Amino acid sequence: MSIGGMRSAAKTAVQHASAVVRLQRELATVELKQKAATLGAGAGLLAAAAFLAALVVPFALATIAVALALVLPWWLSLLIVTLVVALIAALLALVGVRLVKKGSPPVPTLALEEARRTKAVLKG
């Protein structure tokens, strides 16, 4: 094969490689757009589900209060439900505060200690 033929073959190979890269980029763009649309739809449905799930709590509490009101006065049934919800909220807050204190400050102490040890070993 002559030098001119080799140049032509190399030029063609570069053009084909460039076309392949361009097509791969276009494919990636289309794929990302499709996935973004799917993720957006999924996120919207999850938000709607979360909203409806949040509505369940007040209705459940009202149902409990009405059930208690069948055997107790209304004011007492509402007071009991309110106190139980307040107690649950207080317990959740207490556990949450303990977990936040346990996790604070957010410093990777084990990883830092391992890095110090590695540095000491490397220094000899």
N, C-alpha and C. Protein backbone atom coordinates (compact mmCIF):
# COMPACT_ATOMS: atom_id res chain seq x y z
N MET A 1 0.87 -1.18 0.00
CA MET A 1 0.00 0.00 0.00
C MET A 1 0.90 1.23 0.00
N SER A 2 0.52 2.22 -0.76
CA SER A 2 1.33 3.43 -0.88
C SER A 2 1.08 4.36 0.29
N ILE A 3 1.93 5.37 0.39
CA ILE A 3 1.80 6.35 1.47
C ILE A 3 0.47 7.09 1.35
N GLY A 4 0.10 7.45 0.15
CA GLY A 4 -1.18 8.13 -0.06
C GLY A 4 -2.35 7.26 0.36
N GLY A 5 -2.26 5.96 0.06
CA GLY A 5 -3.31 5.03 0.46
C GLY A 5 -3.40 4.89 1.96
N MET A 6 -2.25 4.91 2.62
CA MET A 6 -2.22 4.80 4.08
C MET A 6 -2.81 6.06 4.72
N ARG A 7 -2.48 7.20 4.12
CA ARG A 7 -3.04 8.46 4.65
C ARG A 7 -4.55 8.46 4.50
N SER A 8 -5.00 8.00 3.35
CA SER A 8 -6.43 7.96 3.10
C SER A 8 -7.13 6.99 4.08
N ALA A 9 -6.49 5.86 4.30
CA ALA A 9 -7.06 4.88 5.23
C ALA A 9 -7.08 5.43 6.66
N ALA A 10 -6.01 6.11 7.04
CA ALA A 10 -5.94 6.70 8.38
C ALA A 10 -6.99 7.79 8.53
N LYS A 11 -7.15 8.61 7.48
CA LYS A 11 -8.15 9.68 7.52
C LYS A 11 -9.55 9.09 7.66
N THR A 12 -9.82 8.03 6.92
CA THR A 12 -11.12 7.37 6.99
C THR A 12 -11.35 6.78 8.39
N ALA A 13 -10.31 6.17 8.94
CA ALA A 13 -10.43 5.59 10.28
C ALA A 13 -10.73 6.66 11.32
N VAL A 14 -10.06 7.80 11.21
CA VAL A 14 -10.30 8.92 12.14
C VAL A 14 -11.72 9.44 11.99
N GLN A 15 -12.18 9.55 10.75
CA GLN A 15 -13.56 10.03 10.52
C GLN A 15 -14.57 9.05 11.11
N HIS A 16 -14.33 7.77 10.91
CA HIS A 16 -15.24 6.77 11.48
C HIS A 16 -15.23 6.80 13.00
N ALA A 17 -14.05 6.93 13.58
CA ALA A 17 -13.95 7.00 15.04
C ALA A 17 -14.67 8.23 15.56
N SER A 18 -14.51 9.35 14.86
CA SER A 18 -15.19 10.59 15.25
C SER A 18 -16.71 10.42 15.17
N ALA A 19 -17.16 9.75 14.11
CA ALA A 19 -18.60 9.52 13.95
C ALA A 19 -19.13 8.61 15.06
N VAL A 20 -18.35 7.59 15.41
CA VAL A 20 -18.77 6.68 16.48
C VAL A 20 -18.87 7.43 17.80
N VAL A 21 -17.90 8.27 18.09
CA VAL A 21 -17.92 9.04 19.33
C VAL A 21 -19.12 9.98 19.35
N ARG A 22 -19.39 10.65 18.23
CA ARG A 22 -20.53 11.56 18.14
C ARG A 22 -21.84 10.80 18.35
N LEU A 23 -21.97 9.65 17.72
CA LEU A 23 -23.19 8.85 17.89
C LEU A 23 -23.35 8.34 19.31
N GLN A 24 -22.24 7.96 19.94
CA GLN A 24 -22.31 7.51 21.33
C GLN A 24 -22.74 8.65 22.24
N ARG A 25 -22.26 9.84 21.96
CA ARG A 25 -22.65 11.01 22.74
C ARG A 25 -24.14 11.29 22.58
N GLU A 26 -24.64 11.20 21.34
CA GLU A 26 -26.06 11.41 21.08
C GLU A 26 -26.90 10.35 21.79
N LEU A 27 -26.44 9.10 21.74
CA LEU A 27 -27.15 8.02 22.41
C LEU A 27 -27.20 8.27 23.92
N ALA A 28 -26.08 8.69 24.48
CA ALA A 28 -26.04 8.99 25.91
C ALA A 28 -26.99 10.12 26.27
N THR A 29 -27.05 11.15 25.42
CA THR A 29 -27.95 12.27 25.68
C THR A 29 -29.40 11.83 25.66
N VAL A 30 -29.78 11.04 24.66
CA VAL A 30 -31.16 10.55 24.57
C VAL A 30 -31.48 9.66 25.77
N GLU A 31 -30.55 8.78 26.11
CA GLU A 31 -30.77 7.88 27.24
C GLU A 31 -30.93 8.66 28.54
N LEU A 32 -30.10 9.67 28.75
CA LEU A 32 -30.19 10.47 29.97
C LEU A 32 -31.51 11.24 30.03
N LYS A 33 -31.97 11.75 28.89
CA LYS A 33 -33.26 12.46 28.86
C LYS A 33 -34.39 11.51 29.22
N GLN A 34 -34.36 10.30 28.69
CA GLN A 34 -35.41 9.33 29.01
C GLN A 34 -35.38 8.96 30.49
N LYS A 35 -34.19 8.74 31.02
CA LYS A 35 -34.08 8.38 32.42
C LYS A 35 -34.50 9.53 33.32
N ALA A 36 -34.17 10.76 32.93
CA ALA A 36 -34.56 11.92 33.73
C ALA A 36 -36.08 12.05 33.75
N ALA A 37 -36.71 11.80 32.62
CA ALA A 37 -38.18 11.87 32.56
C ALA A 37 -38.79 10.79 33.45
N THR A 38 -38.25 9.60 33.42
CA THR A 38 -38.75 8.52 34.26
C THR A 38 -38.55 8.84 35.73
N LEU A 39 -37.36 9.36 36.06
CA LEU A 39 -37.09 9.74 37.46
C LEU A 39 -38.03 10.85 37.92
N GLY A 40 -38.29 11.81 37.05
CA GLY A 40 -39.20 12.90 37.39
C GLY A 40 -40.61 12.39 37.65
N ALA A 41 -41.08 11.49 36.81
CA ALA A 41 -42.41 10.91 37.00
C ALA A 41 -42.46 10.12 38.30
N GLY A 42 -41.42 9.35 38.55
CA GLY A 42 -41.37 8.57 39.80
C GLY A 42 -41.35 9.46 41.02
N ALA A 43 -40.58 10.55 40.96
CA ALA A 43 -40.51 11.47 42.10
C ALA A 43 -41.86 12.14 42.33
N GLY A 44 -42.55 12.49 41.24
CA GLY A 44 -43.88 13.09 41.38
C GLY A 44 -44.87 12.14 42.03
N LEU A 45 -44.83 10.88 41.62
CA LEU A 45 -45.73 9.89 42.22
C LEU A 45 -45.39 9.64 43.68
N LEU A 46 -44.10 9.63 43.99
CA LEU A 46 -43.70 9.46 45.40
C LEU A 46 -44.16 10.65 46.25
N ALA A 47 -44.09 11.85 45.70
CA ALA A 47 -44.55 13.03 46.44
C ALA A 47 -46.05 12.94 46.68
N ALA A 48 -46.80 12.51 45.68
CA ALA A 48 -48.24 12.36 45.86
C ALA A 48 -48.55 11.29 46.89
N ALA A 49 -47.81 10.20 46.87
CA ALA A 49 -48.01 9.13 47.85
C ALA A 49 -47.69 9.63 49.26
N ALA A 50 -46.62 10.41 49.40
CA ALA A 50 -46.25 10.94 50.71
C ALA A 50 -47.33 11.88 51.23
N PHE A 51 -47.88 12.70 50.34
CA PHE A 51 -48.95 13.62 50.75
C PHE A 51 -50.17 12.84 51.25
N LEU A 52 -50.57 11.83 50.49
CA LEU A 52 -51.73 11.03 50.90
C LEU A 52 -51.45 10.25 52.18
N ALA A 53 -50.22 9.76 52.32
CA ALA A 53 -49.86 9.04 53.55
C ALA A 53 -49.90 9.98 54.75
N ALA A 54 -49.53 11.24 54.55
CA ALA A 54 -49.58 12.21 55.65
C ALA A 54 -51.02 12.49 56.06
N LEU A 55 -51.95 12.37 55.13
CA LEU A 55 -53.36 12.56 55.47
C LEU A 55 -53.92 11.41 56.29
N VAL A 56 -53.29 10.27 56.22
CA VAL A 56 -53.77 9.10 56.94
C VAL A 56 -53.68 9.31 58.45
N VAL A 57 -52.65 9.96 58.92
CA VAL A 57 -52.44 10.12 60.36
C VAL A 57 -53.58 10.88 61.02
N PRO A 58 -53.97 12.05 60.54
CA PRO A 58 -55.09 12.74 61.21
C PRO A 58 -56.39 11.94 61.17
N PHE A 59 -56.64 11.26 60.04
CA PHE A 59 -57.87 10.47 59.96
C PHE A 59 -57.83 9.29 60.93
N ALA A 60 -56.68 8.67 61.06
CA ALA A 60 -56.55 7.56 62.01
C ALA A 60 -56.75 8.05 63.44
N LEU A 61 -56.17 9.20 63.76
CA LEU A 61 -56.34 9.74 65.10
C LEU A 61 -57.80 10.12 65.37
N ALA A 62 -58.45 10.66 64.38
CA ALA A 62 -59.88 10.99 64.53
C ALA A 62 -60.70 9.72 64.73
N THR A 63 -60.35 8.68 64.01
CA THR A 63 -61.07 7.41 64.16
C THR A 63 -60.89 6.85 65.56
N ILE A 64 -59.69 6.93 66.08
CA ILE A 64 -59.43 6.45 67.44
C ILE A 64 -60.24 7.27 68.44
N ALA A 65 -60.25 8.59 68.27
CA ALA A 65 -61.00 9.45 69.18
C ALA A 65 -62.50 9.13 69.14
N VAL A 66 -63.04 8.91 67.95
CA VAL A 66 -64.46 8.58 67.81
C VAL A 66 -64.76 7.23 68.47
N ALA A 67 -63.85 6.27 68.27
CA ALA A 67 -64.05 4.96 68.89
C ALA A 67 -64.05 5.07 70.41
N LEU A 68 -63.13 5.87 70.95
CA LEU A 68 -63.10 6.06 72.41
C LEU A 68 -64.35 6.80 72.89
N ALA A 69 -64.86 7.69 72.06
CA ALA A 69 -66.04 8.47 72.45
C ALA A 69 -67.29 7.60 72.56
N LEU A 70 -67.24 6.41 72.04
CA LEU A 70 -68.38 5.50 72.19
C LEU A 70 -68.54 5.03 73.63
N VAL A 71 -67.42 5.02 74.36
CA VAL A 71 -67.48 4.55 75.75
C VAL A 71 -67.08 5.63 76.76
N LEU A 72 -66.54 6.73 76.29
CA LEU A 72 -66.11 7.83 77.16
C LEU A 72 -66.71 9.14 76.64
N PRO A 73 -66.70 10.17 77.47
CA PRO A 73 -67.13 11.48 76.97
C PRO A 73 -66.17 11.97 75.87
N TRP A 74 -66.72 12.82 74.95
CA TRP A 74 -65.92 13.32 73.84
C TRP A 74 -64.64 13.99 74.31
N TRP A 75 -64.77 14.88 75.29
CA TRP A 75 -63.60 15.63 75.73
C TRP A 75 -62.52 14.70 76.26
N LEU A 76 -62.92 13.62 76.94
CA LEU A 76 -61.93 12.70 77.50
C LEU A 76 -61.27 11.86 76.39
N SER A 77 -62.05 11.45 75.41
CA SER A 77 -61.46 10.67 74.32
C SER A 77 -60.46 11.52 73.53
N LEU A 78 -60.81 12.79 73.28
CA LEU A 78 -59.88 13.68 72.58
C LEU A 78 -58.64 13.95 73.42
N LEU A 79 -58.83 14.11 74.71
CA LEU A 79 -57.69 14.35 75.60
C LEU A 79 -56.75 13.14 75.61
N ILE A 80 -57.30 11.96 75.66
CA ILE A 80 -56.46 10.75 75.67
C ILE A 80 -55.66 10.64 74.38
N VAL A 81 -56.32 10.84 73.25
CA VAL A 81 -55.61 10.76 71.96
C VAL A 81 -54.53 11.84 71.89
N THR A 82 -54.83 13.03 72.34
CA THR A 82 -53.85 14.12 72.32
C THR A 82 -52.65 13.79 73.20
N LEU A 83 -52.89 13.27 74.39
CA LEU A 83 -51.79 12.94 75.30
C LEU A 83 -50.94 11.80 74.75
N VAL A 84 -51.54 10.80 74.12
CA VAL A 84 -50.78 9.70 73.54
C VAL A 84 -49.90 10.21 72.40
N VAL A 85 -50.46 11.06 71.55
CA VAL A 85 -49.67 11.63 70.44
C VAL A 85 -48.54 12.49 70.99
N ALA A 86 -48.81 13.27 72.00
CA ALA A 86 -47.76 14.11 72.61
C ALA A 86 -46.67 13.24 73.22
N LEU A 87 -47.04 12.15 73.86
CA LEU A 87 -46.05 11.24 74.45
C LEU A 87 -45.18 10.62 73.36
N ILE A 88 -45.80 10.17 72.28
CA ILE A 88 -45.03 9.59 71.17
C ILE A 88 -44.08 10.63 70.59
N ALA A 89 -44.56 11.86 70.40
CA ALA A 89 -43.72 12.94 69.86
C ALA A 89 -42.54 13.22 70.79
N ALA A 90 -42.78 13.23 72.09
CA ALA A 90 -41.71 13.49 73.05
C ALA A 90 -40.66 12.37 73.02
N LEU A 91 -41.13 11.12 72.93
CA LEU A 91 -40.18 10.00 72.86
C LEU A 91 -39.35 10.05 71.59
N LEU A 92 -39.99 10.35 70.47
CA LEU A 92 -39.25 10.47 69.21
C LEU A 92 -38.22 11.60 69.28
N ALA A 93 -38.61 12.72 69.87
CA ALA A 93 -37.68 13.85 70.01
C ALA A 93 -36.51 13.47 70.90
N LEU A 94 -36.77 12.77 72.00
CA LEU A 94 -35.72 12.36 72.92
C LEU A 94 -34.71 11.44 72.22
N VAL A 95 -35.22 10.45 71.52
CA VAL A 95 -34.33 9.53 70.80
C VAL A 95 -33.58 10.28 69.71
N GLY A 96 -34.26 11.18 69.00
CA GLY A 96 -33.60 11.96 67.95
C GLY A 96 -32.48 12.81 68.48
N VAL A 97 -32.70 13.48 69.60
CA VAL A 97 -31.65 14.32 70.21
C VAL A 97 -30.46 13.47 70.61
N ARG A 98 -30.72 12.30 71.18
CA ARG A 98 -29.61 11.42 71.57
C ARG A 98 -28.80 10.97 70.36
N LEU A 99 -29.50 10.63 69.27
CA LEU A 99 -28.78 10.20 68.07
C LEU A 99 -27.97 11.34 67.46
N VAL A 100 -28.51 12.55 67.47
CA VAL A 100 -27.77 13.70 66.94
C VAL A 100 -26.53 13.96 67.79
N LYS A 101 -26.68 13.90 69.11
CA LYS A 101 -25.51 14.10 69.98
C LYS A 101 -24.47 13.01 69.77
N LYS A 102 -24.94 11.77 69.56
CA LYS A 102 -24.03 10.65 69.35
C LYS A 102 -23.26 10.81 68.04
N GLY A 103 -23.90 11.35 67.03
CA GLY A 103 -23.27 11.51 65.72
C GLY A 103 -22.49 12.79 65.55
N SER A 104 -22.51 13.67 66.53
CA SER A 104 -21.84 14.96 66.41
C SER A 104 -20.49 14.92 67.10
N PRO A 105 -19.52 15.59 66.57
CA PRO A 105 -19.46 16.24 65.27
C PRO A 105 -19.28 15.19 64.18
N PRO A 106 -19.72 15.49 62.97
CA PRO A 106 -19.63 14.51 61.90
C PRO A 106 -18.22 14.40 61.32
N VAL A 107 -17.33 13.85 62.13
CA VAL A 107 -15.93 13.70 61.73
C VAL A 107 -15.62 12.21 61.67
N PRO A 108 -15.00 11.74 60.61
CA PRO A 108 -14.67 10.32 60.49
C PRO A 108 -13.46 9.97 61.36
N THR A 109 -13.68 9.83 62.65
CA THR A 109 -12.58 9.64 63.60
C THR A 109 -11.78 8.36 63.31
N LEU A 110 -12.44 7.27 62.96
CA LEU A 110 -11.72 6.03 62.68
C LEU A 110 -10.84 6.18 61.45
N ALA A 111 -11.36 6.81 60.41
CA ALA A 111 -10.57 7.01 59.19
C ALA A 111 -9.38 7.93 59.45
N LEU A 112 -9.59 8.97 60.25
CA LEU A 112 -8.48 9.88 60.57
C LEU A 112 -7.40 9.17 61.38
N GLU A 113 -7.83 8.34 62.33
CA GLU A 113 -6.86 7.59 63.14
C GLU A 113 -6.07 6.62 62.27
N GLU A 114 -6.76 5.95 61.35
CA GLU A 114 -6.08 5.03 60.43
C GLU A 114 -5.10 5.78 59.55
N ALA A 115 -5.45 6.97 59.09
CA ALA A 115 -4.54 7.77 58.28
C ALA A 115 -3.31 8.17 59.08
N ARG A 116 -3.51 8.52 60.35
CA ARG A 116 -2.36 8.87 61.21
C ARG A 116 -1.43 7.67 61.37
N ARG A 117 -2.02 6.50 61.60
CA ARG A 117 -1.20 5.29 61.76
C ARG A 117 -0.43 4.96 60.48
N THR A 118 -1.11 5.08 59.36
CA THR A 118 -0.46 4.80 58.07
C THR A 118 0.69 5.77 57.84
N LYS A 119 0.46 7.03 58.15
CA LYS A 119 1.50 8.04 57.99
C LYS A 119 2.70 7.72 58.88
N ALA A 120 2.41 7.28 60.11
CA ALA A 120 3.51 6.95 61.04
C ALA A 120 4.30 5.75 60.54
N VAL A 121 3.61 4.77 59.99
CA VAL A 121 4.29 3.58 59.47
C VAL A 121 5.14 3.94 58.26
N LEU A 122 4.62 4.78 57.38
CA LEU A 122 5.38 5.17 56.19
C LEU A 122 6.61 6.01 56.52
N LYS A 123 6.51 6.83 57.59
CA LYS A 123 7.66 7.63 57.99
C LYS A 123 8.74 6.75 58.59
N GLY A 124 8.34 5.61 59.11
CA GLY A 124 9.31 4.65 59.62
C GLY A 124 9.60 4.90 61.01
